[in-house]
């Protein structure tokens, strides 16, 4: 059984405009929510998972110039059982807006 507080730590980076967004500051919003999907994984290919991304420091912003470390919580955390460190994902907001890589699983 997966604990509700289970989450992942990941590095994320937005695609540059016009494909992506220029930046998302997590401090102001508290979190950023979007679906993520797993393009290169047989078990999860095509599956999207709703997540919330939280800051790891007070001034955390996700942008298109730097990789940013964030805490990601899943609305349905059972998917964490299928994930591993190094796994790549895409961020979605009606289109691809960024990408990320899992650096730690917290279960």
PDB file of N, CA and C in Angstrom:
ATOM      1  N   UNK A   1       0.837  -1.188   0.000  1.00  0.00           N
ATOM      2  CA  UNK A   1       0.000   0.000   0.000  1.00  0.00           C
ATOM      3  C   UNK A   1       0.878   1.246   0.000  1.00  0.00           C
ATOM      4  N   UNK A   2       0.532   2.222  -0.818  1.00  0.00           N
ATOM      5  CA  UNK A   2       1.283   3.462  -0.935  1.00  0.00           C
ATOM      6  C   UNK A   2       0.714   4.478   0.047  1.00  0.00           C
ATOM      7  N   UNK A   3       1.600   5.141   0.784  1.00  0.00           N
ATOM      8  CA  UNK A   3       1.168   6.171   1.719  1.00  0.00           C
ATOM      9  C   UNK A   3       0.755   7.426   0.956  1.00  0.00           C
ATOM     10  N   UNK A   4      -0.242   8.124   1.450  1.00  0.00           N
ATOM     11  CA  UNK A   4      -0.721   9.344   0.799  1.00  0.00           C
ATOM     12  C   UNK A   4       0.380  10.398   0.699  1.00  0.00           C
ATOM     13  N   UNK A   5       1.293  10.438   1.675  1.00  0.00           N
ATOM     14  CA  UNK A   5       2.353  11.451   1.640  1.00  0.00           C
ATOM     15  C   UNK A   5       3.519  11.070   0.724  1.00  0.00           C
ATOM     16  N   UNK A   6       3.437   9.920   0.068  1.00  0.00           N
ATOM     17  CA  UNK A   6       4.479   9.518  -0.873  1.00  0.00           C
ATOM     18  C   UNK A   6       4.573  10.542  -2.005  1.00  0.00           C
ATOM     19  N   UNK A   7       5.783  10.751  -2.482  1.00  0.00           N
ATOM     20  CA  UNK A   7       5.989  11.714  -3.555  1.00  0.00           C
ATOM     21  C   UNK A   7       7.327  11.431  -4.242  1.00  0.00           C
ATOM     22  N   UNK A   8       7.624  12.225  -5.243  1.00  0.00           N
ATOM     23  CA  UNK A   8       8.928  12.128  -5.898  1.00  0.00           C
ATOM     24  C   UNK A   8       9.602  13.494  -5.849  1.00  0.00           C
ATOM     25  N   UNK A   9      10.908  13.472  -5.973  1.00  0.00           N
ATOM     26  CA  UNK A   9      11.705  14.681  -6.182  1.00  0.00           C
ATOM     27  C   UNK A   9      12.182  14.591  -7.631  1.00  0.00           C
ATOM     28  N   UNK A  10      12.032  15.683  -8.368  1.00  0.00           N
ATOM     29  CA  UNK A  10      12.403  15.658  -9.782  1.00  0.00           C
ATOM     30  C   UNK A  10      13.014  16.989 -10.195  1.00  0.00           C
ATOM     31  N   UNK A  11      13.806  16.940 -11.252  1.00  0.00           N
ATOM     32  CA  UNK A  11      14.248  18.173 -11.892  1.00  0.00           C
ATOM     33  C   UNK A  11      13.327  18.408 -13.078  1.00  0.00           C
ATOM     34  N   UNK A  12      12.890  19.646 -13.252  1.00  0.00           N
ATOM     35  CA  UNK A  12      11.987  19.993 -14.353  1.00  0.00           C
ATOM     36  C   UNK A  12      12.502  21.234 -15.067  1.00  0.00           C
ATOM     37  N   UNK A  13      12.121  21.352 -16.333  1.00  0.00           N
ATOM     38  CA  UNK A  13      12.482  22.514 -17.133  1.00  0.00           C
ATOM     39  C   UNK A  13      11.395  22.735 -18.176  1.00  0.00           C
ATOM     40  N   UNK A  14      10.988  23.982 -18.334  1.00  0.00           N
ATOM     41  CA  UNK A  14       9.973  24.319 -19.325  1.00  0.00           C
ATOM     42  C   UNK A  14      10.589  24.391 -20.711  1.00  0.00           C
ATOM     43  N   UNK A  15       9.767  24.141 -21.734  1.00  0.00           N
ATOM     44  CA  UNK A  15      10.184  24.400 -23.106  1.00  0.00           C
ATOM     45  C   UNK A  15      10.140  25.908 -23.310  1.00  0.00           C
ATOM     46  N   UNK A  16      10.978  26.459 -24.181  1.00  0.00           N
ATOM     47  CA  UNK A  16      10.924  27.906 -24.420  1.00  0.00           C
ATOM     48  C   UNK A  16       9.644  28.296 -25.153  1.00  0.00           C
ATOM     49  N   UNK A  17       9.148  29.525 -24.933  1.00  0.00           N
ATOM     50  CA  UNK A  17       7.982  29.988 -25.703  1.00  0.00           C
ATOM     51  C   UNK A  17       8.325  29.971 -27.190  1.00  0.00           C
ATOM     52  N   UNK A  18       7.393  29.767 -28.087  1.00  0.00           N
ATOM     53  CA  UNK A  18       5.951  29.699 -27.880  1.00  0.00           C
ATOM     54  C   UNK A  18       5.443  28.326 -27.465  1.00  0.00           C
ATOM     55  N   UNK A  19       6.283  27.260 -27.501  1.00  0.00           N
ATOM     56  CA  UNK A  19       5.801  25.932 -27.125  1.00  0.00           C
ATOM     57  C   UNK A  19       5.461  25.865 -25.640  1.00  0.00           C
ATOM     58  N   UNK A  20       6.345  26.380 -24.809  1.00  0.00           N
ATOM     59  CA  UNK A  20       6.165  26.305 -23.369  1.00  0.00           C
ATOM     60  C   UNK A  20       5.742  27.636 -22.773  1.00  0.00           C
ATOM     61  N   UNK A  21       6.127  27.828 -21.542  1.00  0.00           N
ATOM     62  CA  UNK A  21       5.864  29.084 -20.841  1.00  0.00           C
ATOM     63  C   UNK A  21       7.207  29.635 -20.406  1.00  0.00           C
ATOM     64  N   UNK A  22       7.285  30.939 -20.192  1.00  0.00           N
ATOM     65  CA  UNK A  22       8.573  31.509 -19.809  1.00  0.00           C
ATOM     66  C   UNK A  22       8.958  31.144 -18.379  1.00  0.00           C
ATOM     67  N   UNK A  23       7.995  31.160 -17.431  1.00  0.00           N
ATOM     68  CA  UNK A  23       8.302  30.745 -16.067  1.00  0.00           C
ATOM     69  C   UNK A  23       7.029  30.526 -15.256  1.00  0.00           C
ATOM     70  N   UNK A  24       7.188  29.753 -14.202  1.00  0.00           N
ATOM     71  CA  UNK A  24       6.123  29.503 -13.237  1.00  0.00           C
ATOM     72  C   UNK A  24       6.763  29.641 -11.863  1.00  0.00           C
ATOM     73  N   UNK A  25       6.362  30.645 -11.101  1.00  0.00           N
ATOM     74  CA  UNK A  25       6.917  30.837  -9.755  1.00  0.00           C
ATOM     75  C   UNK A  25       6.033  30.134  -8.735  1.00  0.00           C
ATOM     76  N   UNK A  26       6.582  29.122  -8.082  1.00  0.00           N
ATOM     77  CA  UNK A  26       5.810  28.304  -7.159  1.00  0.00           C
ATOM     78  C   UNK A  26       5.539  29.010  -5.835  1.00  0.00           C
ATOM     79  N   UNK A  27       6.391  29.933  -5.453  1.00  0.00           N
ATOM     80  CA  UNK A  27       6.208  30.644  -4.189  1.00  0.00           C
ATOM     81  C   UNK A  27       4.889  31.411  -4.171  1.00  0.00           C
ATOM     82  N   UNK A  28       4.568  32.076  -5.259  1.00  0.00           N
ATOM     83  CA  UNK A  28       3.349  32.891  -5.324  1.00  0.00           C
ATOM     84  C   UNK A  28       2.094  32.021  -5.364  1.00  0.00           C
ATOM     85  N   UNK A  29       2.120  30.955  -6.125  1.00  0.00           N
ATOM     86  CA  UNK A  29       0.940  30.117  -6.296  1.00  0.00           C
ATOM     87  C   UNK A  29       0.806  29.059  -5.195  1.00  0.00           C
ATOM     88  N   UNK A  30       1.897  28.710  -4.533  1.00  0.00           N
ATOM     89  CA  UNK A  30       1.876  27.638  -3.554  1.00  0.00           C
ATOM     90  C   UNK A  30       2.223  26.300  -4.187  1.00  0.00           C
ATOM     91  N   UNK A  31       1.680  26.052  -5.367  1.00  0.00           N
ATOM     92  CA  UNK A  31       2.004  24.852  -6.141  1.00  0.00           C
ATOM     93  C   UNK A  31       1.604  25.102  -7.585  1.00  0.00           C
ATOM     94  N   UNK A  32       2.064  24.223  -8.460  1.00  0.00           N
ATOM     95  CA  UNK A  32       1.648  24.250  -9.855  1.00  0.00           C
ATOM     96  C   UNK A  32       1.101  22.875 -10.184  1.00  0.00           C
ATOM     97  N   UNK A  33      -0.094  22.821 -10.743  1.00  0.00           N
ATOM     98  CA  UNK A  33      -0.712  21.551 -11.092  1.00  0.00           C
ATOM     99  C   UNK A  33      -0.789  21.360 -12.594  1.00  0.00           C
ATOM    100  N   UNK A  34      -0.441  20.161 -13.035  1.00  0.00           N
ATOM    101  CA  UNK A  34      -0.579  19.804 -14.446  1.00  0.00           C
ATOM    102  C   UNK A  34      -0.484  18.293 -14.561  1.00  0.00           C
ATOM    103  N   UNK A  35      -0.961  17.739 -15.661  1.00  0.00           N
ATOM    104  CA  UNK A  35      -0.710  16.312 -15.904  1.00  0.00           C
ATOM    105  C   UNK A  35       0.727  16.109 -16.384  1.00  0.00           C
ATOM    106  N   UNK A  36       1.278  14.964 -16.047  1.00  0.00           N
ATOM    107  CA  UNK A  36       2.557  14.559 -16.633  1.00  0.00           C
ATOM    108  C   UNK A  36       2.333  13.200 -17.301  1.00  0.00           C
ATOM    109  N   UNK A  37       3.143  12.923 -18.314  1.00  0.00           N
ATOM    110  CA  UNK A  37       3.043  11.616 -18.970  1.00  0.00           C
ATOM    111  C   UNK A  37       4.423  11.061 -19.231  1.00  0.00           C
ATOM    112  N   UNK A  38       4.452   9.778 -19.517  1.00  0.00           N
ATOM    113  CA  UNK A  38       5.674   8.985 -19.551  1.00  0.00           C
ATOM    114  C   UNK A  38       5.894   8.457 -20.966  1.00  0.00           C
ATOM    115  N   UNK A  39       6.547   9.188 -21.844  1.00  0.00           N
ATOM    116  CA  UNK A  39       6.635   8.805 -23.254  1.00  0.00           C
ATOM    117  C   UNK A  39       7.483   7.573 -23.548  1.00  0.00           C
ATOM    118  N   UNK A  40       8.420   7.204 -22.694  1.00  0.00           N
ATOM    119  CA  UNK A  40       9.330   6.093 -23.021  1.00  0.00           C
ATOM    120  C   UNK A  40       9.254   4.959 -22.016  1.00  0.00           C
ATOM    121  N   UNK A  41       8.047   4.667 -21.541  1.00  0.00           N
ATOM    122  CA  UNK A  41       7.881   3.605 -20.570  1.00  0.00           C
ATOM    123  C   UNK A  41       6.741   2.693 -21.026  1.00  0.00           C
ATOM    124  N   UNK A  42       7.034   1.402 -21.187  1.00  0.00           N
ATOM    125  CA  UNK A  42       6.019   0.469 -21.693  1.00  0.00           C
ATOM    126  C   UNK A  42       4.796   0.384 -20.800  1.00  0.00           C
ATOM    127  N   UNK A  43       4.996   0.338 -19.483  1.00  0.00           N
ATOM    128  CA  UNK A  43       3.869   0.214 -18.560  1.00  0.00           C
ATOM    129  C   UNK A  43       3.012   1.473 -18.513  1.00  0.00           C
ATOM    130  N   UNK A  44       3.630   2.630 -18.649  1.00  0.00           N
ATOM    131  CA  UNK A  44       2.917   3.896 -18.468  1.00  0.00           C
ATOM    132  C   UNK A  44       2.757   4.704 -19.741  1.00  0.00           C
ATOM    133  N   UNK A  45       3.240   4.214 -20.879  1.00  0.00           N
ATOM    134  CA  UNK A  45       3.191   4.969 -22.129  1.00  0.00           C
ATOM    135  C   UNK A  45       1.753   5.369 -22.453  1.00  0.00           C
ATOM    136  N   UNK A  46       1.535   6.637 -22.636  1.00  0.00           N
ATOM    137  CA  UNK A  46       0.216   7.153 -22.955  1.00  0.00           C
ATOM    138  C   UNK A  46      -0.609   7.510 -21.732  1.00  0.00           C
ATOM    139  N   UNK A  47      -0.190   7.066 -20.556  1.00  0.00           N
ATOM    140  CA  UNK A  47      -0.936   7.377 -19.335  1.00  0.00           C
ATOM    141  C   UNK A  47      -0.523   8.744 -18.810  1.00  0.00           C
ATOM    142  N   UNK A  48      -1.509   9.551 -18.448  1.00  0.00           N
ATOM    143  CA  UNK A  48      -1.233  10.841 -17.825  1.00  0.00           C
ATOM    144  C   UNK A  48      -1.604  10.749 -16.357  1.00  0.00           C
ATOM    145  N   UNK A  49      -0.829  11.435 -15.525  1.00  0.00           N
ATOM    146  CA  UNK A  49      -1.089  11.471 -14.097  1.00  0.00           C
ATOM    147  C   UNK A  49      -1.156  12.916 -13.634  1.00  0.00           C
ATOM    148  N   UNK A  50      -2.242  13.274 -12.953  1.00  0.00           N
ATOM    149  CA  UNK A  50      -2.365  14.623 -12.400  1.00  0.00           C
ATOM    150  C   UNK A  50      -1.444  14.765 -11.199  1.00  0.00           C
ATOM    151  N   UNK A  51      -0.689  15.855 -11.195  1.00  0.00           N
ATOM    152  CA  UNK A  51       0.266  16.090 -10.112  1.00  0.00           C
ATOM    153  C   UNK A  51       0.202  17.539  -9.637  1.00  0.00           C
ATOM    154  N   UNK A  52       0.796  17.759  -8.489  1.00  0.00           N
ATOM    155  CA  UNK A  52       1.030  19.095  -7.958  1.00  0.00           C
ATOM    156  C   UNK A  52       2.530  19.202  -7.710  1.00  0.00           C
ATOM    157  N   UNK A  53       3.125  20.285  -8.216  1.00  0.00           N
ATOM    158  CA  UNK A  53       4.558  20.529  -8.019  1.00  0.00           C
ATOM    159  C   UNK A  53       4.716  21.603  -6.955  1.00  0.00           C
ATOM    160  N   UNK A  54       5.572  21.314  -5.970  1.00  0.00           N
ATOM    161  CA  UNK A  54       5.795  22.211  -4.848  1.00  0.00           C
ATOM    162  C   UNK A  54       7.252  22.661  -4.814  1.00  0.00           C
ATOM    163  N   UNK A  55       7.467  23.831  -4.272  1.00  0.00           N
ATOM    164  CA  UNK A  55       8.801  24.416  -4.175  1.00  0.00           C
ATOM    165  C   UNK A  55       9.669  23.646  -3.188  1.00  0.00           C
ATOM    166  N   UNK A  56      10.968  23.624  -3.459  1.00  0.00           N
ATOM    167  CA  UNK A  56      11.935  23.065  -2.521  1.00  0.00           C
ATOM    168  C   UNK A  56      12.646  24.170  -1.747  1.00  0.00           C
ATOM    169  N   UNK A  57      12.420  25.424  -2.159  1.00  0.00           N
ATOM    170  CA  UNK A  57      12.959  26.587  -1.453  1.00  0.00           C
ATOM    171  C   UNK A  57      12.002  27.757  -1.700  1.00  0.00           C
ATOM    172  N   UNK A  58      12.070  28.797  -0.875  1.00  0.00           N
ATOM    173  CA  UNK A  58      11.104  29.898  -0.982  1.00  0.00           C
ATOM    174  C   UNK A  58      11.063  30.614  -2.331  1.00  0.00           C
ATOM    175  N   UNK A  59      12.143  30.615  -3.075  1.00  0.00           N
ATOM    176  CA  UNK A  59      12.187  31.374  -4.332  1.00  0.00           C
ATOM    177  C   UNK A  59      12.164  30.479  -5.572  1.00  0.00           C
ATOM    178  N   UNK A  60      11.584  29.306  -5.470  1.00  0.00           N
ATOM    179  CA  UNK A  60      11.593  28.346  -6.579  1.00  0.00           C
ATOM    180  C   UNK A  60      10.712  28.803  -7.740  1.00  0.00           C
ATOM    181  N   UNK A  61      11.314  28.919  -8.907  1.00  0.00           N
ATOM    182  CA  UNK A  61      10.593  29.185 -10.155  1.00  0.00           C
ATOM    183  C   UNK A  61      11.044  28.157 -11.183  1.00  0.00           C
ATOM    184  N   UNK A  62      10.099  27.658 -11.950  1.00  0.00           N
ATOM    185  CA  UNK A  62      10.410  26.751 -13.056  1.00  0.00           C
ATOM    186  C   UNK A  62      10.500  27.617 -14.303  1.00  0.00           C
ATOM    187  N   UNK A  63      11.571  27.475 -15.073  1.00  0.00           N
ATOM    188  CA  UNK A  63      11.689  28.284 -16.295  1.00  0.00           C
ATOM    189  C   UNK A  63      12.299  27.477 -17.419  1.00  0.00           C
ATOM    190  N   UNK A  64      12.522  28.153 -18.553  1.00  0.00           N
ATOM    191  CA  UNK A  64      13.035  27.469 -19.739  1.00  0.00           C
ATOM    192  C   UNK A  64      14.553  27.533 -19.846  1.00  0.00           C
ATOM    193  N   UNK A  65      15.219  28.149 -18.879  1.00  0.00           N
ATOM    194  CA  UNK A  65      16.671  28.289 -18.951  1.00  0.00           C
ATOM    195  C   UNK A  65      17.424  27.390 -17.974  1.00  0.00           C
ATOM    196  N   UNK A  66      16.749  26.924 -16.919  1.00  0.00           N
ATOM    197  CA  UNK A  66      17.415  26.149 -15.877  1.00  0.00           C
ATOM    198  C   UNK A  66      16.593  24.928 -15.494  1.00  0.00           C
ATOM    199  N   UNK A  67      17.284  23.894 -15.054  1.00  0.00           N
ATOM    200  CA  UNK A  67      16.601  22.758 -14.441  1.00  0.00           C
ATOM    201  C   UNK A  67      16.344  23.134 -12.984  1.00  0.00           C
ATOM    202  N   UNK A  68      15.126  22.872 -12.531  1.00  0.00           N
ATOM    203  CA  UNK A  68      14.708  23.241 -11.183  1.00  0.00           C
ATOM    204  C   UNK A  68      14.254  21.993 -10.440  1.00  0.00           C
ATOM    205  N   UNK A  69      14.672  21.852  -9.204  1.00  0.00           N
ATOM    206  CA  UNK A  69      14.261  20.719  -8.386  1.00  0.00           C
ATOM    207  C   UNK A  69      12.941  21.037  -7.698  1.00  0.00           C
ATOM    208  N   UNK A  70      11.977  20.123  -7.828  1.00  0.00           N
ATOM    209  CA  UNK A  70      10.654  20.300  -7.220  1.00  0.00           C
ATOM    210  C   UNK A  70      10.210  19.002  -6.544  1.00  0.00           C
ATOM    211  N   UNK A  71       9.265  19.145  -5.629  1.00  0.00           N
ATOM    212  CA  UNK A  71       8.584  18.011  -5.012  1.00  0.00           C
ATOM    213  C   UNK A  71       7.311  17.791  -5.815  1.00  0.00           C
ATOM    214  N   UNK A  72       7.053  16.559  -6.222  1.00  0.00           N
ATOM    215  CA  UNK A  72       5.846  16.255  -7.005  1.00  0.00           C
ATOM    216  C   UNK A  72       4.999  15.261  -6.235  1.00  0.00           C
ATOM    217  N   UNK A  73       3.751  15.662  -5.978  1.00  0.00           N
ATOM    218  CA  UNK A  73       2.777  14.789  -5.325  1.00  0.00           C
ATOM    219  C   UNK A  73       1.719  14.403  -6.357  1.00  0.00           C
ATOM    220  N   UNK A  74       1.361  13.138  -6.364  1.00  0.00           N
ATOM    221  CA  UNK A  74       0.377  12.603  -7.301  1.00  0.00           C
ATOM    222  C   UNK A  74      -1.005  12.608  -6.667  1.00  0.00           C
ATOM    223  N   UNK A  75      -2.025  12.964  -7.445  1.00  0.00           N
ATOM    224  CA  UNK A  75      -3.390  12.870  -6.934  1.00  0.00           C
ATOM    225  C   UNK A  75      -3.749  11.409  -6.661  1.00  0.00           C
ATOM    226  N   UNK A  76      -3.182  10.497  -7.436  1.00  0.00           N
ATOM    227  CA  UNK A  76      -3.351   9.060  -7.222  1.00  0.00           C
ATOM    228  C   UNK A  76      -1.956   8.460  -7.052  1.00  0.00           C
ATOM    229  N   UNK A  77      -1.433   8.428  -5.819  1.00  0.00           N
ATOM    230  CA  UNK A  77      -0.031   8.049  -5.597  1.00  0.00           C
ATOM    231  C   UNK A  77       0.315   6.592  -5.886  1.00  0.00           C
ATOM    232  N   UNK A  78      -0.652   5.750  -6.195  1.00  0.00           N
ATOM    233  CA  UNK A  78      -0.360   4.348  -6.499  1.00  0.00           C
ATOM    234  C   UNK A  78       0.619   4.200  -7.662  1.00  0.00           C
ATOM    235  N   UNK A  79       0.649   5.178  -8.551  1.00  0.00           N
ATOM    236  CA  UNK A  79       1.546   5.114  -9.711  1.00  0.00           C
ATOM    237  C   UNK A  79       3.019   5.095  -9.285  1.00  0.00           C
ATOM    238  N   UNK A  80       3.329   5.586  -8.100  1.00  0.00           N
ATOM    239  CA  UNK A  80       4.723   5.647  -7.639  1.00  0.00           C
ATOM    240  C   UNK A  80       5.365   4.263  -7.646  1.00  0.00           C
ATOM    241  N   UNK A  81       4.580   3.220  -7.440  1.00  0.00           N
ATOM    242  CA  UNK A  81       5.106   1.844  -7.444  1.00  0.00           C
ATOM    243  C   UNK A  81       5.712   1.456  -8.790  1.00  0.00           C
ATOM    244  N   UNK A  82       5.331   2.160  -9.859  1.00  0.00           N
ATOM    245  CA  UNK A  82       5.811   1.844 -11.208  1.00  0.00           C
ATOM    246  C   UNK A  82       6.960   2.751 -11.653  1.00  0.00           C
ATOM    247  N   UNK A  83       7.400   3.653 -10.791  1.00  0.00           N
ATOM    248  CA  UNK A  83       8.414   4.641 -11.157  1.00  0.00           C
ATOM    249  C   UNK A  83       9.788   4.244 -10.636  1.00  0.00           C
ATOM    250  N   UNK A  84      10.823   4.856 -11.215  1.00  0.00           N
ATOM    251  CA  UNK A  84      12.188   4.635 -10.748  1.00  0.00           C
ATOM    252  C   UNK A  84      13.017   5.893 -10.983  1.00  0.00           C
ATOM    253  N   UNK A  85      14.093   6.010 -10.239  1.00  0.00           N
ATOM    254  CA  UNK A  85      15.019   7.133 -10.394  1.00  0.00           C
ATOM    255  C   UNK A  85      15.584   7.127 -11.806  1.00  0.00           C
ATOM    256  N   UNK A  86      15.660   8.302 -12.403  1.00  0.00           N
ATOM    257  CA  UNK A  86      16.168   8.445 -13.771  1.00  0.00           C
ATOM    258  C   UNK A  86      15.083   8.442 -14.825  1.00  0.00           C
ATOM    259  N   UNK A  87      13.860   8.093 -14.434  1.00  0.00           N
ATOM    260  CA  UNK A  87      12.740   8.037 -15.374  1.00  0.00           C
ATOM    261  C   UNK A  87      12.395   9.447 -15.873  1.00  0.00           C
ATOM    262  N   UNK A  88      12.151   9.561 -17.163  1.00  0.00           N
ATOM    263  CA  UNK A  88      11.825  10.846 -17.800  1.00  0.00           C
ATOM    264  C   UNK A  88      10.316  11.004 -17.952  1.00  0.00           C
ATOM    265  N   UNK A  89       9.844  12.246 -17.870  1.00  0.00           N
ATOM    266  CA  UNK A  89       8.426  12.527 -18.086  1.00  0.00           C
ATOM    267  C   UNK A  89       8.274  13.859 -18.804  1.00  0.00           C
ATOM    268  N   UNK A  90       7.064  14.084 -19.314  1.00  0.00           N
ATOM    269  CA  UNK A  90       6.725  15.337 -20.007  1.00  0.00           C
ATOM    270  C   UNK A  90       5.615  16.032 -19.227  1.00  0.00           C
ATOM    271  N   UNK A  91       5.668  17.346 -19.194  1.00  0.00           N
ATOM    272  CA  UNK A  91       4.626  18.156 -18.557  1.00  0.00           C
ATOM    273  C   UNK A  91       3.640  18.599 -19.635  1.00  0.00           C
ATOM    274  N   UNK A  92       2.350  18.618 -19.318  1.00  0.00           N
ATOM    275  CA  UNK A  92       1.302  18.861 -20.292  1.00  0.00           C
ATOM    276  C   UNK A  92       0.361  19.967 -19.809  1.00  0.00           C
ATOM    277  N   UNK A  93       0.042  20.863 -20.704  1.00  0.00           N
ATOM    278  CA  UNK A  93      -0.944  21.916 -20.439  1.00  0.00           C
ATOM    279  C   UNK A  93      -1.674  22.196 -21.751  1.00  0.00           C
ATOM    280  N   UNK A  94      -2.361  21.175 -22.267  1.00  0.00           N
ATOM    281  CA  UNK A  94      -2.980  21.270 -23.586  1.00  0.00           C
ATOM    282  C   UNK A  94      -1.990  21.002 -24.704  1.00  0.00           C
ATOM    283  N   UNK A  95      -0.711  20.976 -24.355  1.00  0.00           N
ATOM    284  CA  UNK A  95       0.408  20.674 -25.249  1.00  0.00           C
ATOM    285  C   UNK A  95       1.620  20.432 -24.357  1.00  0.00           C
ATOM    286  N   UNK A  96       2.686  19.900 -24.928  1.00  0.00           N
ATOM    287  CA  UNK A  96       3.926  19.756 -24.151  1.00  0.00           C
ATOM    288  C   UNK A  96       4.401  21.129 -23.719  1.00  0.00           C
ATOM    289  N   UNK A  97       4.684  21.290 -22.425  1.00  0.00           N
ATOM    290  CA  UNK A  97       5.237  22.572 -21.967  1.00  0.00           C
ATOM    291  C   UNK A  97       6.587  22.415 -21.284  1.00  0.00           C
ATOM    292  N   UNK A  98       6.981  21.185 -20.995  1.00  0.00           N
ATOM    293  CA  UNK A  98       8.260  20.988 -20.323  1.00  0.00           C
ATOM    294  C   UNK A  98       8.550  19.518 -20.122  1.00  0.00           C
ATOM    295  N   UNK A  99       9.698  19.245 -19.488  1.00  0.00           N
ATOM    296  CA  UNK A  99      10.084  17.868 -19.235  1.00  0.00           C
ATOM    297  C   UNK A  99      10.753  17.754 -17.881  1.00  0.00           C
ATOM    298  N   UNK A 100      10.918  16.539 -17.433  1.00  0.00           N
ATOM    299  CA  UNK A 100      11.530  16.327 -16.131  1.00  0.00           C
ATOM    300  C   UNK A 100      12.141  14.950 -16.011  1.00  0.00           C
ATOM    301  N   UNK A 101      12.896  14.778 -14.925  1.00  0.00           N
ATOM    302  CA  UNK A 101      13.556  13.524 -14.618  1.00  0.00           C
ATOM    303  C   UNK A 101      13.429  13.264 -13.115  1.00  0.00           C
ATOM    304  N   UNK A 102      13.034  12.045 -12.748  1.00  0.00           N
ATOM    305  CA  UNK A 102      12.937  11.680 -11.336  1.00  0.00           C
ATOM    306  C   UNK A 102      14.331  11.530 -10.759  1.00  0.00           C
ATOM    307  N   UNK A 103      14.589  12.193  -9.610  1.00  0.00           N
ATOM    308  CA  UNK A 103      15.880  12.052  -8.932  1.00  0.00           C
ATOM    309  C   UNK A 103      15.764  11.307  -7.609  1.00  0.00           C
ATOM    310  N   UNK A 104      14.530  11.211  -7.049  1.00  0.00           N
ATOM    311  CA  UNK A 104      14.353  10.493  -5.784  1.00  0.00           C
ATOM    312  C   UNK A 104      12.886  10.082  -5.631  1.00  0.00           C
ATOM    313  N   UNK A 105      12.665   8.892  -5.077  1.00  0.00           N
ATOM    314  CA  UNK A 105      11.333   8.418  -4.715  1.00  0.00           C
ATOM    315  C   UNK A 105      11.230   8.465  -3.194  1.00  0.00           C
ATOM    316  N   UNK A 106      10.159   9.038  -2.680  1.00  0.00           N
ATOM    317  CA  UNK A 106       9.928   9.106  -1.238  1.00  0.00           C
ATOM    318  C   UNK A 106       8.638   8.345  -0.958  1.00  0.00           C
ATOM    319  N   UNK A 107       8.781   7.105  -0.473  1.00  0.00           N
ATOM    320  CA  UNK A 107       7.591   6.262  -0.258  1.00  0.00           C
ATOM    321  C   UNK A 107       7.443   5.868   1.190  1.00  0.00           C
TER     322      UNK A 107
END
